[in-house]
Every structure is written in structure tokens, then in C-alpha cells.
Protein backbone atom coordinates (compact mmCIF):
# COMPACT_ATOMS: atom_id res chain seq x y z
CA UNK A 1 8.69 12.67 15.60
CA UNK A 2 5.52 10.67 16.22
CA UNK A 3 3.55 14.02 16.36
CA UNK A 4 4.77 14.72 12.90
CA UNK A 5 3.70 11.21 11.73
CA UNK A 6 0.35 11.77 13.25
CA UNK A 7 -0.11 15.25 11.55
CA UNK A 8 0.78 13.60 8.24
CA UNK A 9 -1.83 10.84 8.96
CA UNK A 10 -4.55 13.32 9.80
CA UNK A 11 -3.60 15.36 6.55
CA UNK A 12 -3.57 12.12 4.41
CA UNK A 13 -6.93 10.98 5.83
CA UNK A 14 -8.76 14.44 4.85
CA UNK A 15 -6.95 14.86 1.59
CA UNK A 16 -7.54 11.35 0.62
CA UNK A 17 -11.38 11.76 1.13
CA UNK A 18 -11.24 14.74 -1.06
CA UNK A 19 -9.08 13.47 -4.03
CA UNK A 20 -10.80 9.91 -4.13
CA UNK A 21 -14.29 11.44 -4.06
CA UNK A 22 -13.42 13.85 -6.85
CA UNK A 23 -11.97 10.92 -8.95
CA UNK A 24 -15.04 8.82 -8.08
CA UNK A 25 -17.26 11.48 -9.55
CA UNK A 26 -15.14 11.92 -12.62
CA UNK A 27 -15.17 8.14 -13.27
CA UNK A 28 -18.99 7.89 -12.73
CA UNK A 29 -20.03 11.11 -14.50
CA UNK A 30 -17.33 11.66 -17.21
CA UNK A 31 -15.55 8.32 -18.03
CA UNK A 32 -18.40 6.53 -19.57
CA UNK A 33 -17.32 4.23 -22.53
CA UNK A 34 -14.02 6.04 -23.07
CA UNK A 35 -12.42 4.04 -20.23
CA UNK A 36 -14.64 0.95 -20.42
CA UNK A 37 -14.70 -1.53 -17.69
CA UNK A 38 -11.29 -0.40 -16.33
CA UNK A 39 -13.26 2.36 -14.68
CA UNK A 40 -14.81 -0.14 -12.34
CA UNK A 41 -11.36 -1.18 -11.23
CA UNK A 42 -10.23 2.39 -10.54
CA UNK A 43 -13.62 3.11 -8.67
CA UNK A 44 -12.87 -0.03 -6.37
CA UNK A 45 -9.43 1.24 -5.70
CA UNK A 46 -10.84 4.77 -4.78
CA UNK A 47 -13.59 3.45 -2.66
CA UNK A 48 -11.40 1.19 -0.71
CA UNK A 49 -8.80 3.99 -0.37
CA UNK A 50 -11.49 5.99 1.53
CA UNK A 51 -12.04 2.89 3.88
CA UNK A 52 -8.41 2.32 4.15
CA UNK A 53 -7.68 5.67 5.53
CA UNK A 54 -10.45 5.11 8.13
CA UNK A 55 -8.72 2.11 9.34
CA UNK A 56 -5.50 4.10 9.31
CA UNK A 57 -6.85 7.11 11.34
CA UNK A 58 -8.44 4.60 14.00
CA UNK A 59 -5.23 2.68 14.36
CA UNK A 60 -2.73 5.72 14.22
CA UNK A 61 0.12 3.17 13.38
CA UNK A 62 3.68 4.09 14.36
CA UNK A 63 6.50 2.12 13.21
CA UNK A 64 9.58 1.35 15.22
CA UNK A 65 12.78 -0.67 15.09
CA UNK A 66 14.84 -1.80 17.91
CA UNK A 67 17.86 -3.74 17.00
CA UNK A 68 16.52 -7.27 15.85
CA UNK A 69 12.80 -6.30 16.48
CA UNK A 70 10.40 -4.44 14.07
CA UNK A 71 7.27 -3.30 15.39
CA UNK A 72 3.96 -1.60 14.31
CA UNK A 73 2.39 0.15 17.23
CA UNK A 74 -1.25 0.97 17.83
CA UNK A 75 -1.28 4.47 18.86
CA UNK A 76 -4.84 5.19 18.38
CA UNK A 77 -7.74 5.46 20.97
CA UNK A 78 -7.69 1.63 21.42
CA UNK A 79 -4.07 1.16 22.05
CA UNK A 80 -4.73 0.11 25.75
CA UNK A 81 -7.46 -2.24 24.97
CA UNK A 82 -6.22 -5.95 25.14
CA UNK A 83 -7.07 -8.10 22.26
CA UNK A 84 -9.00 -5.64 20.34
CA UNK A 85 -6.24 -3.26 20.11
CA UNK A 86 -3.93 -6.06 18.61
CA UNK A 87 -6.72 -7.11 16.19
CA UNK A 88 -6.84 -3.71 15.07
CA UNK A 89 -3.20 -3.70 14.21
CA UNK A 90 -3.70 -6.90 12.17
CA UNK A 91 -6.67 -5.34 10.43
CA UNK A 92 -4.55 -2.49 9.52
CA UNK A 93 -2.13 -4.85 7.99
CA UNK A 94 -4.77 -6.78 6.06
CA UNK A 95 -5.93 -3.43 4.93
CA UNK A 96 -2.57 -2.48 3.58
CA UNK A 97 -2.41 -5.71 1.97
CA UNK A 98 -5.76 -5.35 0.19
CA UNK A 99 -4.84 -1.82 -0.81
CA UNK A 100 -1.67 -2.76 -2.68
CA UNK A 101 -3.24 -5.86 -4.30
CA UNK A 102 -6.20 -3.80 -5.60
CA UNK A 103 -3.69 -1.65 -7.26
CA UNK A 104 -2.14 -4.83 -8.74
CA UNK A 105 -5.40 -5.71 -10.40
CA UNK A 106 -5.25 -2.36 -12.27
CA UNK A 107 -1.76 -3.22 -13.58
CA UNK A 108 -2.66 -6.67 -14.71
CA UNK A 109 -5.82 -5.42 -16.55
CA UNK A 110 -3.84 -2.74 -18.36
CA UNK A 111 -1.12 -5.21 -19.19
CA UNK A 112 -3.65 -7.70 -20.58
CA UNK A 113 -5.44 -4.99 -22.67
CA UNK A 114 -2.39 -3.32 -24.07
CA UNK A 115 0.14 -6.11 -24.30
CA UNK A 116 -1.71 -9.36 -24.41
CA UNK A 117 -4.72 -8.72 -26.43
CA UNK A 118 -5.30 -12.16 -27.37
CA UNK A 119 -6.31 -12.85 -23.80
CA UNK A 120 -8.97 -10.21 -23.40
CA UNK A 121 -11.53 -12.99 -23.12
CA UNK A 122 -10.18 -13.66 -19.56
CA UNK A 123 -11.40 -10.17 -18.33
CA UNK A 124 -14.60 -9.71 -20.33
CA UNK A 125 -18.08 -9.51 -18.69
CA UNK A 126 -18.44 -11.21 -15.35
CA UNK A 127 -14.94 -12.68 -15.66
CA UNK A 128 -13.55 -9.23 -14.57
CA UNK A 129 -14.76 -10.03 -11.07
CA UNK A 130 -12.18 -12.83 -10.91
CA UNK A 131 -9.44 -10.30 -10.59
CA UNK A 132 -10.83 -9.24 -7.25
CA UNK A 133 -9.98 -12.81 -5.81
CA UNK A 134 -6.43 -12.10 -5.67
CA UNK A 135 -6.69 -8.90 -3.55
CA UNK A 136 -9.02 -10.75 -1.09
CA UNK A 137 -6.71 -13.78 -0.94
CA UNK A 138 -3.85 -11.55 -0.17
CA UNK A 139 -5.72 -9.60 2.61
CA UNK A 140 -6.96 -12.72 4.29
CA UNK A 141 -3.52 -14.31 4.31
CA UNK A 142 -1.85 -11.12 5.66
CA UNK A 143 -4.41 -10.86 8.53
CA UNK A 144 -3.76 -14.57 9.37
CA UNK A 145 0.03 -14.31 9.18
CA UNK A 146 0.06 -10.99 11.40
CA UNK A 147 -2.56 -12.54 14.00
CA UNK A 148 -0.79 -15.77 14.47
CA UNK A 149 2.75 -15.03 13.53
CA UNK A 150 3.40 -11.61 15.35
CA UNK A 151 1.94 -12.13 18.73
CA UNK A 152 2.91 -10.05 21.86
CA UNK A 153 5.25 -11.90 24.03
CA UNK A 154 7.01 -11.13 27.31
CA UNK A 155 10.37 -11.06 25.32
CA UNK A 156 9.01 -8.45 23.06
CA UNK A 157 7.78 -6.26 25.72
CA UNK A 158 11.09 -6.48 27.51
CA UNK A 159 13.12 -5.66 24.25
CA UNK A 160 10.75 -2.70 23.69
CA UNK A 161 10.50 -1.38 27.30
CA UNK A 162 13.18 1.42 26.81
CA UNK A 163 12.41 2.21 23.19
CA UNK A 164 8.67 2.86 23.64
CA UNK A 165 9.32 4.82 26.69
CA UNK A 166 11.84 7.14 25.11
CA UNK A 167 10.22 7.68 21.66
CA UNK A 168 6.65 7.61 22.48
CA UNK A 169 6.32 7.88 26.39
CA UNK A 170 4.42 4.57 26.28
CA UNK A 171 4.70 1.43 28.56
CA UNK A 172 5.37 -1.61 26.51
CA UNK A 173 3.40 -3.69 29.29
CA UNK A 174 0.06 -2.07 28.40
CA UNK A 175 0.28 -0.73 24.86
CA UNK A 176 -0.98 -2.95 21.94
CA UNK A 177 1.47 -3.66 19.04
CA UNK A 178 2.45 -6.35 16.41
CA UNK A 179 6.18 -7.19 16.31
CA UNK A 180 8.51 -9.52 14.63
CA UNK A 181 11.54 -10.54 16.82
CA UNK A 182 14.00 -12.48 14.71
CA UNK A 183 16.11 -13.83 17.66
CA UNK A 184 16.59 -13.83 21.29
CA UNK A 185 19.82 -13.34 23.23
CA UNK A 186 19.78 -15.27 26.59
CA UNK A 187 21.92 -14.40 29.76
CA UNK A 188 24.78 -16.37 28.43
CA UNK A 189 24.89 -14.46 24.96
CA UNK A 190 23.54 -17.47 23.11
CA UNK A 191 21.24 -16.83 20.09
CA UNK A 192 17.74 -18.47 19.70
CA UNK A 193 16.18 -17.78 16.51
CA UNK A 194 12.25 -17.07 16.72
CA UNK A 195 11.14 -19.36 13.75
CA UNK A 196 7.62 -18.23 13.86
CA UNK A 197 8.30 -14.52 13.88
CA UNK A 198 11.00 -15.15 11.01
CA UNK A 199 8.34 -17.10 8.97
CA UNK A 200 5.56 -14.52 9.52
CA UNK A 201 7.97 -11.65 8.34
CA UNK A 202 8.99 -13.64 5.41
CA UNK A 203 5.40 -14.45 4.43
CA UNK A 204 4.52 -10.86 4.50
CA UNK A 205 7.38 -9.10 2.85
CA UNK A 206 9.25 -11.67 1.05
CA UNK A 207 6.32 -13.64 -0.60
CA UNK A 208 3.29 -11.26 -0.85
CA UNK A 209 4.69 -7.69 -0.94
CA UNK A 210 8.20 -7.80 -2.54
CA UNK A 211 7.85 -11.01 -4.53
CA UNK A 212 4.22 -10.74 -5.74
CA UNK A 213 2.62 -7.47 -5.52
CA UNK A 214 5.85 -5.35 -6.20
CA UNK A 215 6.75 -7.80 -9.10
CA UNK A 216 3.17 -7.44 -10.73
CA UNK A 217 3.41 -3.80 -10.53
CA UNK A 218 6.85 -3.41 -11.72
CA UNK A 219 6.52 -6.10 -14.52
CA UNK A 220 3.13 -5.02 -15.86
CA UNK A 221 3.97 -1.26 -15.57
CA UNK A 222 7.14 -1.49 -17.32
CA UNK A 223 5.70 -3.84 -20.07
CA UNK A 224 2.85 -1.37 -20.44
CA UNK A 225 4.92 1.67 -20.76
CA UNK A 226 7.41 0.01 -23.37
CA UNK A 227 4.28 -1.00 -25.51
CA UNK A 228 2.96 2.60 -25.43
CA UNK A 229 6.35 3.80 -26.41
CA UNK A 230 6.51 1.51 -29.41
CA UNK A 231 3.19 2.63 -30.74
CA UNK A 232 3.95 6.29 -29.74
CA UNK A 233 1.02 6.85 -27.60
CA UNK A 234 0.23 10.22 -26.03
CA UNK A 235 2.82 11.78 -23.51
CA UNK A 236 0.19 12.02 -20.98
CA UNK A 237 -0.57 8.27 -21.12
CA UNK A 238 3.13 7.41 -20.84
CA UNK A 239 3.43 9.76 -17.87
CA UNK A 240 0.54 7.94 -16.11
CA UNK A 241 2.17 4.56 -16.80
CA UNK A 242 5.56 5.52 -15.43
CA UNK A 243 4.46 7.71 -12.36
CA UNK A 244 1.78 4.90 -11.32
CA UNK A 245 4.79 2.49 -11.37
CA UNK A 246 7.19 4.66 -9.33
CA UNK A 247 4.72 6.08 -6.70
CA UNK A 248 3.80 2.83 -5.02
CA UNK A 249 7.41 1.63 -5.00
CA UNK A 250 8.62 4.82 -3.24
CA UNK A 251 5.67 5.37 -0.74
CA UNK A 252 4.58 1.78 -0.12
CA UNK A 253 6.98 -1.04 -0.88
CA UNK A 254 10.20 0.65 -0.12
CA UNK A 255 9.31 1.80 3.49
CA UNK A 256 7.42 -1.40 4.35
CA UNK A 257 10.21 -3.63 2.93
CA UNK A 258 12.85 -1.62 4.74
CA UNK A 259 10.93 -2.13 8.12
CA UNK A 260 11.33 -6.00 7.88
CA UNK A 261 14.77 -6.15 6.34
CA UNK A 262 16.69 -3.54 8.44
CA UNK A 263 16.45 -5.51 11.83
CA UNK A 264 17.93 -8.62 10.29
CA UNK A 265 21.26 -6.65 9.96
CA UNK A 266 20.52 -4.37 13.11
CA UNK A 267 20.78 -1.37 10.95
CA UNK A 268 20.13 1.80 12.73
CA UNK A 269 17.62 3.48 10.12
CA UNK A 270 14.91 4.54 12.53
CA UNK A 271 14.24 7.74 10.72
CA UNK A 272 13.59 6.14 7.48
CA UNK A 273 11.70 3.31 9.08
CA UNK A 274 9.41 5.71 10.90
CA UNK A 275 8.40 7.17 7.66
CA UNK A 276 6.34 4.10 6.80
CA UNK A 277 3.59 5.39 9.11
CA UNK A 278 3.26 8.58 7.31
CA UNK A 279 3.90 7.39 3.54
CA UNK A 280 1.45 4.59 3.70
CA UNK A 281 -1.14 7.11 5.05
CA UNK A 282 -0.66 9.65 2.21
CA UNK A 283 -0.23 7.25 -0.74
CA UNK A 284 -4.19 6.82 -1.26
CA UNK A 285 -4.36 10.53 -1.48
CA UNK A 286 -1.80 11.04 -4.24
CA UNK A 287 -2.82 8.18 -6.41
CA UNK A 288 -5.92 9.87 -7.73
CA UNK A 289 -4.11 13.09 -8.49
CA UNK A 290 -1.89 11.32 -11.03
CA UNK A 291 -4.96 10.08 -12.84
CA UNK A 292 -6.86 13.37 -12.66
CA UNK A 293 -3.99 15.43 -13.85
CA UNK A 294 -2.53 13.24 -16.37
CA UNK A 295 -5.61 11.96 -18.17
CA UNK A 296 -6.79 14.72 -20.39
CA UNK A 297 -10.41 13.71 -20.04
CA UNK A 298 -10.50 14.16 -16.38
CA UNK A 299 -8.06 17.23 -16.40
CA UNK A 300 -10.29 19.09 -18.92
CA UNK A 301 -13.33 18.32 -16.64
CA UNK A 302 -11.56 19.45 -13.57
CA UNK A 303 -9.90 22.46 -15.07
CA UNK A 304 -12.09 23.53 -18.06
CA UNK A 305 -10.34 26.86 -18.25
CA UNK A 306 -6.98 25.44 -18.96
CA UNK A 307 -6.37 23.34 -22.00
CA UNK A 308 -3.20 21.45 -22.99
CA UNK A 309 -2.46 20.55 -26.47
CA UNK A 310 -1.07 17.15 -26.69
CA UNK A 311 -0.37 15.38 -30.05
CA UNK A 312 -1.73 11.77 -29.77
CA UNK A 313 -1.89 8.73 -31.68
CA UNK A 314 -4.15 6.94 -29.30
CA UNK A 315 -6.13 5.11 -31.74
CA UNK A 316 -3.45 2.41 -31.73
CA UNK A 317 -4.52 1.62 -28.03
CA UNK A 318 -7.47 0.75 -26.08
CA UNK A 319 -8.58 3.90 -24.07
CA UNK A 320 -8.10 2.67 -20.65
CA UNK A 321 -5.38 4.83 -19.12
């Protein structure tokens, strides 16, 4: 199974470099004033997606669940390096948090421009840079929570001994990983809750991903889509709004949320949980494709011989998507 995940990670790495570089070229050479300042947000996401895939390919993260323990394993070249191997896993987590929160800034920008035009002054000029404070705050917090809250302990190494050996042929005593162990059973069968791990998991998935990033993407995406329906915007623009809302939910929020929630109930969902290592690697490659294929300006520049006639009433909306 892990060989398939690594294959998808390699595919995601190379494909992401290609699609994001193509989108960066289109944003720089073709977008111009037609997209306005929104192109800087899109460029920042594409640039960071390239960086994110380098972190992913160096870490080669594998996701595993064993009863009440969820773990992200460093299966890259530094997996046996004490200290640094663990820091790499935390950097990967912070990179994931930065990736999805930069995406949130796009949704917030589009929501303000389309649905809350009276607040446009908040994102004009140099104030646009303030939107980037949010993703950096999320990233730093994610790294801190991961580094201090998901530390490797003898109890975690013991709990993962058989699972790591059977699934990855790895020794839990030497390999680096970050894990949340919700409780420990002693020799008498008594349950002791691991408060630090529980709070760390709650902080990452409950507050930052599922309650903040996912809420922003869902709320702003749905509101924007409804507004565009009201003014009868072009079908291609509606498709972008809808697909960009569904894609991160399917490839990012869903698998990662399942990773943290399943061990609480000791659900045996190893196949679904393991997919998180693959889906988070390929998402940055597919995000640019939606933009390239659904925005007519980019589609015509990429495929000049194939034109699609779409009846639009885009004058009612700012041209940002």
C-alpha cells in the first residue's frame, strides 16, 4: 500500500510543478488587469504549492492509525535522523496548514469583492498584504502545536511496534513520526487520557482546519456561488466557484479530519486514512487545472484552436475568477 502512496506522491510532485508553472505564466503574461489584484493571491498559492510539494517529497509522509493512535510517519531519506526527522514532520504539518490557509485568502477576497463590495477598501492597495497574516499565523501555530504536542514517547513507540513492522517493515524504535495517542491502557486495564495529545489534535483539526479553514472555504464559496447565480454569471465562473469549494473538501479536509477523528472511536478505516498521504500530495497539482480549464481567458491561451462559446453577463461582476 505504501508503495502506491509513494508513487502518487512522486506523480503529484512532478505534475504539480508543471501545472503550477503553467498557471504562473498565464497569470503573469495573460491575466493583466482583467483579474486585478486577485492574481497576486493566485500567484502566491501557485508559488507556495511548488514549495509545498518539495517538502512533501522530502518527507514522504505516510499516515497510519492504530486503535487510539493516529500517526504521520516520516518515510523520507531522513526518517532515521533523530531530532531533524521529527522536525521535518512538523514542518510538513505547518506546510499543510499554510497551503490550505493561503487558499482561504482567495475565498475571502472573492467573497468581499462579489458579496461585500462595501468593504472593498479593506483589501485595496497595500492592505491586500494583510490577508497573508492569517495563513502565516495558522502555519506557525500548527508547527508549534505539532512540535510540542505530538512528541514521540516510549508508549507511542510500543503501541506502533507491530503496526509499523507489518505495514512498512520499519522499527518504531528508530523511525521518526508525529503521533497523537488519545489514551493509554495500563496493565490493569485502566484508561489514562493523554491530555497533551488530545489538546494538540483538537487544536489542529478542531480549531484550525475543520472550524476555521473549512468554514471559511465553505461559507465564502457557497455565498459567492449563490451571488453569481443571482446575477446570472457565466456558467464557467459558476463551475469554478463550485469546484474550488468541493475539491479541497474531498482531497484535504476530509482525509485529514478522518485521521484525527477515527481513533477516538477506534474505527478500522486504515485504507481511507492512508489515502491522506496521497490526496494531500496531488491536490496542489489539480487546483491549477480547474482555473486553467474553467476561466475562458486562460483556456483560450492554453488551447487556442478550441474555442467554447459561453453566453455571459459578466459585466455584473468584477472579473476576478
